[in-house]
Amino acid sequence: MKLGRWSPRRPGDEPQTERQHNASLPSHVRPRTPRDRPVIGAHPRRRRPPVIGVHDVSKTFELGQIRVRALHDVSLQIQRGDFVAIMGSSGSGKSTLMNILGCLDIPSSGRYLIDGVDVSRMDEDELSDLRNRKIGFVFQSFNLIPRTSALANVELPMAYAGLSRPERRLRARDALAAVGVGKRADHQPSELSGGEQQRVAVARAIALNPALILADEPTGNLDSHATEEILRIFARLNTEGRTVVLITHEPDVAAQAKRVLRLQDGRIVDDRRLCGLLDVPPVLRQKSSHSDGATSATVPQR
């Protein structure tokens, strides 16, 4: 066997590692590393769309020969798990925007997407099903059926969703207990305080475990103690993964959200983030002035 001629190593002639050697080769003959090799069957992770996407939305009402433009080319996105307060004086367009977000009304122009789906392409039955499955509504006036127990009020949307009576009863009791009024299940609205009625309304909104809670002036008819109770419930819902959008004209209420939008004359004039998307809402970082009787706002899946 013929050996090559030995020569002494010169300074700077350090042996190359395999990686250095491969890197010096032309790209068409360079060995492929595991990182370079495609994984069979793998797909790039698709980013989930915002839960709410509003694009250049306008809304015009026609009152006889008078045209009133309530929203002017409004655009916004709300990410999953956010807690957003929408502020504005009377006539600013905030309730009109809330109705569009809740699929209770349609824009005159522009697009509204919920979970990436354009609602303008849905018929009335599909919109009704979407509202029932994905959105929980809470209103200032509670909207409870009089002379009907709290339990029956909470059961109502589940009846529309086709759940059996035993299932409705179990989930309604879970929801009432989650907001701290489980012991008042058999009482009618006239036998409940304002704060208790609003808790029942929240229980009704969360009974089907929607991903999105829309609350229109939910503390407008409540005193300061009941207001704090309701805000803490919304905050717990948010920490458990739900997106909460709250309409209010009260700065103290808006300050408990993670993000505050302000409308004026149908336009968004201010958009401020008070804390991070994954942060605990401000109201839960404050010491409660009293116990609200609720431990978790989650309704167990059955």
Protein backbone atom coordinates (compact mmCIF):
# COMPACT_ATOMS: atom_id res chain seq x y z
CA MET A 1 0.00 0.00 0.00
CA LYS A 2 1.39 3.35 -1.01
CA LEU A 3 1.29 5.99 1.64
CA GLY A 4 0.97 9.67 0.97
CA ARG A 5 3.82 11.94 1.79
CA TRP A 6 3.77 13.24 5.33
CA SER A 7 4.19 16.97 5.90
CA PRO A 8 4.28 18.82 9.19
CA ARG A 9 1.10 20.73 10.21
CA ARG A 10 1.45 24.44 9.76
CA PRO A 11 -0.04 27.05 12.11
CA GLY A 12 -3.69 27.69 11.25
CA ASP A 13 -4.17 24.27 9.65
CA GLU A 14 -6.60 23.04 12.31
CA PRO A 15 -8.62 19.94 11.40
CA GLN A 16 -12.15 20.73 10.15
CA THR A 17 -15.18 19.35 11.89
CA GLU A 18 -17.78 17.49 9.81
CA ARG A 19 -20.13 20.48 10.01
CA GLN A 20 -17.39 22.86 8.81
CA HIS A 21 -16.47 20.52 6.01
CA ASN A 22 -20.07 20.14 4.85
CA ALA A 23 -20.63 23.89 5.00
CA SER A 24 -17.70 24.41 2.62
CA LEU A 25 -19.22 22.15 -0.04
CA PRO A 26 -21.41 23.46 -2.89
CA SER A 27 -25.10 23.44 -1.96
CA HIS A 28 -26.02 20.81 -4.58
CA VAL A 29 -23.71 18.19 -3.01
CA ARG A 30 -24.01 19.25 0.62
CA PRO A 31 -25.49 16.47 2.85
CA ARG A 32 -28.96 17.31 4.22
CA THR A 33 -29.24 17.55 7.98
CA PRO A 34 -32.32 16.30 9.89
CA ARG A 35 -33.46 19.93 10.16
CA ASP A 36 -33.32 20.25 6.36
CA ARG A 37 -35.20 17.03 5.66
CA PRO A 38 -38.97 17.32 5.25
CA VAL A 39 -41.15 15.46 7.73
CA ILE A 40 -43.63 13.28 5.86
CA GLY A 41 -47.20 14.25 6.67
CA ALA A 42 -46.23 17.42 8.54
CA HIS A 43 -48.09 20.66 7.92
CA PRO A 44 -47.14 24.16 9.03
CA ARG A 45 -49.09 25.23 12.11
CA ARG A 46 -51.98 27.42 11.01
CA ARG A 47 -52.51 30.50 13.10
CA ARG A 48 -56.05 30.75 14.43
CA PRO A 49 -57.93 33.84 13.28
CA PRO A 50 -59.07 36.52 15.74
CA VAL A 51 -62.38 35.72 17.38
CA ILE A 52 -63.65 39.07 16.05
CA GLY A 53 -62.60 40.76 12.83
CA VAL A 54 -64.34 43.98 11.76
CA HIS A 55 -63.27 45.47 8.43
CA ASP A 56 -64.44 48.93 7.30
CA VAL A 57 -67.90 48.46 8.79
CA SER A 58 -70.47 51.23 8.41
CA LYS A 59 -74.09 51.26 9.54
CA THR A 60 -76.74 53.68 8.29
CA PHE A 61 -80.31 53.89 9.58
CA GLU A 62 -83.05 55.36 7.44
CA LEU A 63 -85.75 57.20 9.40
CA GLY A 64 -88.19 58.30 6.75
CA GLN A 65 -86.25 60.69 4.56
CA ILE A 66 -83.51 61.09 7.15
CA ARG A 67 -80.36 58.97 6.97
CA VAL A 68 -78.40 58.56 10.20
CA ARG A 69 -74.93 57.06 9.96
CA ALA A 70 -74.22 55.32 13.27
CA LEU A 71 -70.85 53.76 12.33
CA HIS A 72 -68.21 55.12 9.96
CA ASP A 73 -65.71 52.62 8.46
CA VAL A 74 -64.91 50.93 11.77
CA SER A 75 -62.10 48.34 11.75
CA LEU A 76 -60.85 46.32 14.70
CA GLN A 77 -59.63 42.89 15.72
CA ILE A 78 -60.17 41.17 19.06
CA GLN A 79 -57.97 38.20 19.90
CA ARG A 80 -59.07 35.10 21.75
CA GLY A 81 -58.90 35.46 25.51
CA ASP A 82 -59.01 39.25 25.52
CA PHE A 83 -61.16 41.38 27.84
CA VAL A 84 -62.22 44.50 25.95
CA ALA A 85 -64.29 47.47 27.10
CA ILE A 86 -65.95 49.67 24.49
CA MET A 87 -66.69 53.16 25.78
CA GLY A 88 -68.62 56.06 24.39
CA SER A 89 -71.31 58.58 25.22
CA SER A 90 -74.92 58.18 24.17
CA GLY A 91 -75.14 58.25 20.38
CA SER A 92 -71.49 57.30 19.86
CA GLY A 93 -72.40 54.06 18.06
CA LYS A 94 -71.28 51.61 20.74
CA SER A 95 -74.63 49.78 21.02
CA THR A 96 -74.88 49.59 17.22
CA LEU A 97 -71.41 48.03 17.14
CA MET A 98 -72.41 45.58 19.88
CA ASN A 99 -75.49 44.51 17.89
CA ILE A 100 -73.32 43.82 14.86
CA LEU A 101 -70.75 41.90 16.92
CA GLY A 102 -73.58 39.80 18.37
CA CYS A 103 -75.05 39.09 14.91
CA LEU A 104 -78.25 40.85 15.97
CA ASP A 105 -77.86 43.32 13.10
CA ILE A 106 -75.92 43.48 9.85
CA PRO A 107 -73.65 46.29 8.62
CA SER A 108 -74.66 48.50 5.73
CA SER A 109 -71.18 48.00 4.29
CA GLY A 110 -67.94 46.30 5.27
CA ARG A 111 -67.27 42.80 6.59
CA TYR A 112 -67.62 41.15 9.98
CA LEU A 113 -65.87 37.84 10.63
CA ILE A 114 -66.32 35.71 13.72
CA ASP A 115 -63.75 32.92 14.07
CA GLY A 116 -62.67 33.76 10.52
CA VAL A 117 -66.15 33.15 9.06
CA ASP A 118 -67.87 35.99 7.19
CA VAL A 119 -71.32 36.25 8.76
CA SER A 120 -72.72 38.05 5.69
CA ARG A 121 -72.74 34.68 3.96
CA MET A 122 -75.00 33.09 6.58
CA ASP A 123 -78.76 32.87 6.39
CA GLU A 124 -81.02 33.66 9.34
CA ASP A 125 -81.07 30.06 10.62
CA GLU A 126 -77.27 29.84 10.51
CA LEU A 127 -76.95 33.17 12.32
CA SER A 128 -79.37 32.01 15.01
CA ASP A 129 -77.39 28.82 15.49
CA LEU A 130 -74.14 30.80 15.65
CA ARG A 131 -75.54 33.12 18.32
CA ASN A 132 -76.75 30.20 20.39
CA ARG A 133 -73.53 28.19 20.19
CA LYS A 134 -70.74 30.77 20.28
CA ILE A 135 -72.07 33.94 21.92
CA GLY A 136 -73.40 34.59 25.40
CA PHE A 137 -75.37 37.83 25.83
CA VAL A 138 -75.76 39.92 29.00
CA PHE A 139 -77.92 43.07 28.93
CA GLN A 140 -78.41 46.04 31.22
CA SER A 141 -82.09 45.25 31.82
CA PHE A 142 -81.38 41.56 32.65
CA ASN A 143 -84.11 40.37 30.20
CA LEU A 144 -85.36 37.68 32.56
CA ILE A 145 -88.82 36.20 32.05
CA PRO A 146 -91.08 37.33 34.93
CA ARG A 147 -92.99 34.83 37.07
CA THR A 148 -90.45 32.19 36.02
CA SER A 149 -87.79 30.73 38.30
CA ALA A 150 -84.13 31.58 37.90
CA LEU A 151 -83.50 27.95 37.00
CA ALA A 152 -86.07 28.01 34.18
CA ASN A 153 -84.64 31.30 32.87
CA VAL A 154 -81.18 29.76 32.60
CA GLU A 155 -82.58 26.64 30.93
CA LEU A 156 -84.29 28.57 28.13
CA PRO A 157 -81.40 28.92 25.61
CA MET A 158 -80.51 25.27 26.13
CA ALA A 159 -84.05 24.28 25.15
CA TYR A 160 -83.55 26.14 21.85
CA ALA A 161 -80.25 24.29 21.45
CA GLY A 162 -82.06 20.95 21.71
CA LEU A 163 -80.64 19.69 25.01
CA SER A 164 -82.72 17.19 26.94
CA ARG A 165 -84.59 18.35 30.04
CA PRO A 166 -82.33 16.46 32.52
CA GLU A 167 -79.23 17.89 30.80
CA ARG A 168 -80.67 21.41 30.85
CA ARG A 169 -81.50 21.13 34.54
CA LEU A 170 -78.00 19.94 35.48
CA ARG A 171 -76.21 22.59 33.43
CA ALA A 172 -78.51 25.37 34.69
CA ARG A 173 -77.80 24.46 38.31
CA ASP A 174 -74.06 24.35 37.58
CA ALA A 175 -74.21 27.80 35.96
CA LEU A 176 -76.15 29.37 38.83
CA ALA A 177 -73.73 27.89 41.35
CA ALA A 178 -70.78 29.17 39.29
CA VAL A 179 -71.97 32.78 39.67
CA GLY A 180 -72.90 32.44 43.35
CA VAL A 181 -76.72 32.22 43.24
CA GLY A 182 -77.19 28.45 43.34
CA LYS A 183 -79.36 28.74 46.45
CA ARG A 184 -81.72 31.15 44.66
CA ALA A 185 -82.48 28.82 41.75
CA ASP A 186 -86.19 28.49 42.59
CA HIS A 187 -86.81 32.21 43.10
CA GLN A 188 -88.52 34.41 40.52
CA PRO A 189 -86.88 37.63 39.27
CA SER A 190 -89.16 39.79 41.45
CA GLU A 191 -87.75 37.99 44.50
CA LEU A 192 -84.13 38.75 43.58
CA SER A 193 -82.03 41.89 44.01
CA GLY A 194 -80.64 43.68 40.97
CA GLY A 195 -77.23 42.11 41.46
CA GLU A 196 -78.77 38.64 41.80
CA GLN A 197 -80.84 39.14 38.65
CA GLN A 198 -77.74 40.10 36.72
CA ARG A 199 -75.96 37.00 38.05
CA VAL A 200 -78.83 34.90 36.74
CA ALA A 201 -78.46 36.65 33.38
CA VAL A 202 -74.73 35.83 33.37
CA ALA A 203 -75.51 32.21 34.29
CA ARG A 204 -77.89 32.04 31.33
CA ALA A 205 -75.15 33.47 29.07
CA ILE A 206 -72.53 30.88 30.09
CA ALA A 207 -74.75 27.80 30.34
CA LEU A 208 -73.78 26.60 26.85
CA ASN A 209 -70.09 27.41 27.43
CA PRO A 210 -69.75 30.01 24.65
CA ALA A 211 -66.31 31.27 23.68
CA LEU A 212 -67.48 34.90 23.45
CA ILE A 213 -69.38 36.94 26.06
CA LEU A 214 -70.99 40.21 24.91
CA ALA A 215 -72.24 42.43 27.72
CA ASP A 216 -74.15 45.65 26.97
CA GLU A 217 -74.01 48.03 29.98
CA PRO A 218 -74.21 45.06 32.39
CA THR A 219 -73.59 47.23 35.47
CA GLY A 220 -75.78 50.18 34.46
CA ASN A 221 -78.57 49.28 36.91
CA LEU A 222 -76.36 48.08 39.76
CA ASP A 223 -74.89 49.66 42.88
CA SER A 224 -71.13 49.70 43.49
CA HIS A 225 -71.03 46.39 45.40
CA ALA A 226 -73.06 44.52 42.78
CA THR A 227 -70.97 46.13 40.03
CA GLU A 228 -67.77 44.77 41.57
CA GLU A 229 -69.33 41.30 41.89
CA ILE A 230 -70.34 41.20 38.24
CA LEU A 231 -66.97 42.51 37.03
CA ARG A 232 -65.19 39.81 39.04
CA ILE A 233 -67.38 37.16 37.42
CA PHE A 234 -66.53 38.50 33.96
CA ALA A 235 -62.84 38.56 34.91
CA ARG A 236 -62.96 34.92 36.05
CA LEU A 237 -64.67 33.97 32.80
CA ASN A 238 -61.82 35.69 30.99
CA THR A 239 -59.09 33.91 32.96
CA GLU A 240 -60.79 30.63 32.06
CA GLY A 241 -60.28 31.34 28.36
CA ARG A 242 -63.37 33.23 27.25
CA THR A 243 -63.27 36.44 25.26
CA VAL A 244 -65.27 39.19 26.98
CA VAL A 245 -66.47 42.36 25.23
CA LEU A 246 -68.18 44.85 27.50
CA ILE A 247 -70.04 48.04 26.53
CA THR A 248 -69.98 50.78 29.16
CA HIS A 249 -70.00 54.54 29.59
CA GLU A 250 -68.36 54.32 33.04
CA PRO A 251 -64.56 54.88 33.13
CA ASP A 252 -64.26 52.95 36.42
CA VAL A 253 -65.83 49.89 34.81
CA ALA A 254 -63.75 50.15 31.63
CA ALA A 255 -60.57 50.37 33.74
CA GLN A 256 -61.11 46.75 34.86
CA ALA A 257 -60.67 45.43 31.30
CA LYS A 258 -57.41 44.60 29.53
CA ARG A 259 -58.08 46.85 26.55
CA VAL A 260 -60.27 49.95 26.16
CA LEU A 261 -61.73 51.24 22.90
CA ARG A 262 -63.48 54.63 22.77
CA LEU A 263 -66.06 55.52 20.15
CA GLN A 264 -67.11 59.01 19.18
CA ASP A 265 -69.55 59.89 16.39
CA GLY A 266 -69.39 56.36 15.04
CA ARG A 267 -65.60 56.17 14.86
CA ILE A 268 -62.92 54.58 17.05
CA VAL A 269 -60.94 57.53 18.37
CA ASP A 270 -58.83 55.76 21.01
CA ASP A 271 -57.53 52.21 21.51
CA ARG A 272 -55.52 51.58 24.68
CA ARG A 273 -54.17 48.34 26.12
CA LEU A 274 -54.13 48.40 29.93
CA CYS A 275 -52.42 45.03 30.40
CA GLY A 276 -51.22 42.05 28.37
CA LEU A 277 -53.48 39.59 26.63
CA LEU A 278 -52.45 36.81 29.01
CA ASP A 279 -52.38 38.94 32.16
CA VAL A 280 -54.91 38.67 34.97
CA PRO A 281 -57.63 41.35 34.57
CA PRO A 282 -57.11 44.35 36.87
CA VAL A 283 -60.22 43.71 38.98
CA LEU A 284 -58.83 40.35 40.14
CA ARG A 285 -55.58 41.99 41.25
CA GLN A 286 -57.47 44.20 43.67
CA LYS A 287 -58.58 43.18 47.11
CA SER A 288 -62.29 42.48 47.12
CA SER A 289 -64.40 44.57 49.48
CA HIS A 290 -66.61 41.53 50.11
CA SER A 291 -67.11 37.91 49.08
CA ASP A 292 -69.30 37.36 46.03
CA GLY A 293 -70.11 33.75 46.86
CA ALA A 294 -68.80 32.35 43.57
CA THR A 295 -65.79 30.14 43.24
CA SER A 296 -65.51 29.56 39.50
CA ALA A 297 -67.47 30.75 36.54
CA THR A 298 -66.87 27.56 34.59
CA VAL A 299 -69.84 25.34 33.79
CA PRO A 300 -68.63 21.71 33.84
CA GLN A 301 -68.94 19.95 30.50
CA ARG A 302 -71.41 17.06 30.73
